[in-house]
Structures are given as structure tokens and as C-alpha cells.
N, C-alpha and C. Protein backbone atom coordinates (compact mmCIF):
# COMPACT_ATOMS: atom_id res chain seq x y z
N MET A 1 10.77 -46.47 0.33
CA MET A 1 10.37 -45.15 0.62
C MET A 1 10.20 -44.37 -0.84
N ASP A 2 8.87 -43.15 -0.53
CA ASP A 2 8.68 -42.64 -1.83
C ASP A 2 9.27 -40.89 -2.57
N GLU A 3 10.24 -40.41 -2.60
CA GLU A 3 10.62 -38.89 -2.95
C GLU A 3 9.54 -37.88 -3.31
N LYS A 4 8.93 -36.91 -2.57
CA LYS A 4 9.04 -36.59 -4.23
C LYS A 4 9.46 -35.06 -4.34
N VAL A 5 9.26 -34.44 -5.23
CA VAL A 5 10.30 -33.38 -5.32
C VAL A 5 9.30 -32.22 -4.76
N LYS A 6 9.70 -31.42 -4.29
CA LYS A 6 9.11 -29.86 -3.37
C LYS A 6 9.62 -29.18 -4.82
N ILE A 7 8.41 -28.30 -5.55
CA ILE A 7 8.62 -27.53 -5.95
C ILE A 7 8.45 -26.31 -4.92
N GLU A 8 9.30 -25.15 -4.99
CA GLU A 8 8.72 -24.31 -4.13
C GLU A 8 8.08 -22.72 -5.33
N ASP A 9 7.31 -22.54 -4.87
CA ASP A 9 6.01 -21.59 -4.33
C ASP A 9 6.66 -20.00 -4.49
N LYS A 10 7.31 -19.51 -5.46
CA LYS A 10 7.50 -17.86 -4.60
C LYS A 10 7.06 -16.61 -5.04
N SER A 11 5.37 -17.51 -5.53
CA SER A 11 4.78 -16.33 -5.93
C SER A 11 4.46 -15.37 -4.76
N THR A 12 4.46 -15.75 -3.12
CA THR A 12 4.09 -15.43 -2.35
C THR A 12 4.93 -14.18 -1.64
N TRP A 13 5.99 -14.07 -2.41
CA TRP A 13 6.58 -13.92 -1.49
C TRP A 13 6.40 -12.56 -2.00
N ALA A 14 5.64 -11.49 -3.10
CA ALA A 14 4.63 -10.56 -3.80
C ALA A 14 4.31 -10.13 -2.71
N THR A 15 3.29 -11.02 -1.84
CA THR A 15 2.89 -9.86 -0.37
C THR A 15 3.71 -9.37 0.28
N GLY A 16 4.81 -10.62 0.74
CA GLY A 16 5.80 -9.48 0.80
C GLY A 16 6.78 -8.44 1.09
N GLY A 17 6.77 -8.39 -0.54
CA GLY A 17 7.79 -7.34 -1.10
C GLY A 17 6.89 -6.32 -1.59
N GLY A 18 5.67 -6.47 -1.98
CA GLY A 18 4.48 -5.17 -1.67
C GLY A 18 4.17 -4.63 0.01
N LEU A 19 5.02 -4.93 0.32
CA LEU A 19 4.57 -4.52 1.85
C LEU A 19 5.00 -3.67 2.69
N LEU A 20 6.78 -4.83 2.17
CA LEU A 20 7.92 -3.60 2.07
C LEU A 20 7.97 -2.38 1.12
N LEU A 21 7.40 -2.47 0.95
CA LEU A 21 7.38 -1.32 -0.66
C LEU A 21 6.50 0.05 -0.12
N GLY A 22 5.78 -0.60 0.53
CA GLY A 22 4.48 0.48 1.26
C GLY A 22 5.32 0.88 2.58
N LEU A 23 6.10 0.43 3.03
CA LEU A 23 6.32 1.09 4.55
C LEU A 23 8.03 1.43 3.85
N GLY A 24 8.33 1.49 2.77
CA GLY A 24 9.35 2.06 2.06
C GLY A 24 8.56 3.56 1.27
N VAL A 25 7.31 3.81 0.95
CA VAL A 25 6.87 5.21 0.89
C VAL A 25 6.16 5.47 1.51
N GLY A 26 5.33 4.86 2.63
CA GLY A 26 5.09 5.44 3.72
C GLY A 26 6.34 6.39 4.48
N PHE A 27 7.55 6.03 4.62
CA PHE A 27 7.60 6.93 6.04
C PHE A 27 8.31 8.36 4.95
N PHE A 28 7.95 8.26 3.85
CA PHE A 28 8.40 10.21 3.03
C PHE A 28 7.26 10.25 3.45
N PHE A 29 5.64 9.94 4.03
CA PHE A 29 4.80 11.08 4.29
C PHE A 29 4.62 10.97 5.45
N LEU A 30 5.72 10.64 6.62
CA LEU A 30 4.95 9.83 7.60
C LEU A 30 4.89 10.76 8.56
N GLN A 31 6.10 12.09 8.36
CA GLN A 31 5.84 12.97 8.79
C GLN A 31 4.61 14.32 8.18
N ALA A 32 3.92 14.27 7.52
CA ALA A 32 3.34 15.12 6.35
C ALA A 32 1.88 14.13 7.18
N SER A 33 1.51 13.26 7.93
CA SER A 33 -0.23 12.43 8.06
C SER A 33 -0.05 10.77 8.63
N VAL A 34 0.25 10.34 9.46
CA VAL A 34 0.12 9.85 10.08
C VAL A 34 -0.53 8.13 8.73
N LEU A 35 -1.77 8.96 9.13
CA LEU A 35 -3.32 8.21 7.92
C LEU A 35 -2.34 8.16 6.30
N ALA A 36 -1.71 9.51 6.37
CA ALA A 36 -0.76 8.71 4.99
C ALA A 36 -0.52 7.19 4.85
N PHE A 37 0.26 7.35 5.94
CA PHE A 37 1.27 5.99 6.69
C PHE A 37 1.28 4.92 6.21
N VAL A 38 -0.40 4.66 7.09
CA VAL A 38 -1.07 3.93 7.06
C VAL A 38 -2.14 3.38 5.89
N GLY A 39 -2.42 4.28 4.93
CA GLY A 39 -2.73 3.90 3.38
C GLY A 39 -2.01 3.47 2.46
N CYS A 40 -0.78 3.91 2.67
CA CYS A 40 0.79 3.33 2.64
C CYS A 40 1.43 2.05 2.48
N LEU A 41 0.90 1.77 3.81
CA LEU A 41 1.16 -0.28 3.71
C LEU A 41 -0.63 -0.49 3.22
N LEU A 42 -1.15 -0.40 3.65
CA LEU A 42 -2.51 -0.73 3.07
C LEU A 42 -3.01 -1.24 1.53
N GLY A 43 -1.81 0.03 1.26
CA GLY A 43 -1.64 0.49 -0.62
C GLY A 43 -1.21 -1.28 -1.20
N GLY A 44 0.61 -1.18 -0.46
CA GLY A 44 0.81 -1.98 -0.89
C GLY A 44 1.49 -3.58 -0.04
N LEU A 45 0.42 -3.17 0.55
CA LEU A 45 -0.21 -5.82 0.53
C LEU A 45 -1.43 -5.51 0.01
N GLY A 46 -2.30 -4.70 -0.59
CA GLY A 46 -3.22 -4.19 -1.74
C GLY A 46 -2.62 -5.19 -2.59
N LEU A 47 -1.54 -4.69 -3.22
CA LEU A 47 -0.55 -4.40 -4.42
C LEU A 47 -0.30 -6.12 -4.46
N GLY A 48 0.67 -6.53 -3.07
CA GLY A 48 1.24 -7.35 -2.92
C GLY A 48 0.28 -8.56 -3.12
N LEU A 49 -1.30 -9.01 -2.89
CA LEU A 49 -2.06 -9.76 -2.48
C LEU A 49 -2.26 -9.31 -4.33
N ILE A 50 -2.59 -8.96 -5.14
CA ILE A 50 -2.92 -8.54 -7.00
C ILE A 50 -1.91 -9.58 -7.17
N LEU A 51 -0.58 -8.94 -7.19
CA LEU A 51 0.44 -9.54 -7.84
C LEU A 51 0.68 -11.52 -7.50
N THR A 52 0.11 -11.54 -6.37
CA THR A 52 0.32 -13.07 -6.34
C THR A 52 -0.89 -14.10 -6.63
N ALA A 53 -1.92 -12.59 -6.33
CA ALA A 53 -3.09 -13.55 -7.40
C ALA A 53 -2.81 -13.76 -8.22
N ILE A 54 -2.04 -12.61 -8.82
CA ILE A 54 -2.11 -12.91 -10.45
C ILE A 54 -0.87 -14.52 -10.73
N ILE A 55 0.24 -13.99 -10.15
CA ILE A 55 1.59 -14.94 -10.56
C ILE A 55 0.99 -16.29 -10.00
N GLY A 56 0.19 -16.69 -8.75
CA GLY A 56 0.26 -18.11 -9.13
C GLY A 56 -0.96 -18.83 -9.37
N GLY A 57 -2.11 -17.50 -10.57
CA GLY A 57 -2.91 -18.11 -11.21
C GLY A 57 -2.47 -18.51 -12.73
N ARG A 58 -1.03 -18.33 -12.83
CA ARG A 58 -0.95 -18.55 -14.38
C ARG A 58 -0.16 -20.29 -13.67
N LYS A 59 -0.17 -20.44 -12.79
CA LYS A 59 0.72 -22.24 -13.17
C LYS A 59 -0.68 -23.33 -12.81
């Protein structure tokens, strides 16, 4: 049986990390505006997706 070495790609962790970063920043704006909270979540998600594309493209 041929065993293949599985290479773990951790570039997808940037998406979750960006979302958590947006969540943390959004909690500071939550008392001011709910829409700012949602905007921080979407901004963090977008940042994470951009970082994933950049990191994934290098390989």
C-alpha cells in the first residue's frame, strides 16, 4: 500500500483568524452601533479571505 505524506495547509486559518479579529474589534463598537459591529465582522472576514488568497498563491 502506497502511503502519501499529507502536507497541512494552514493558509485557511487566516479566514477564521480574520473573522475573530473582526469580532473582537466589533465588540468595542457594539454599544455605539450594531451596524458597525456587523461591518467589523464583514471587514475581518474580507481581510482573512484576502490573506488566504495571498498565502495560498505563494505555494
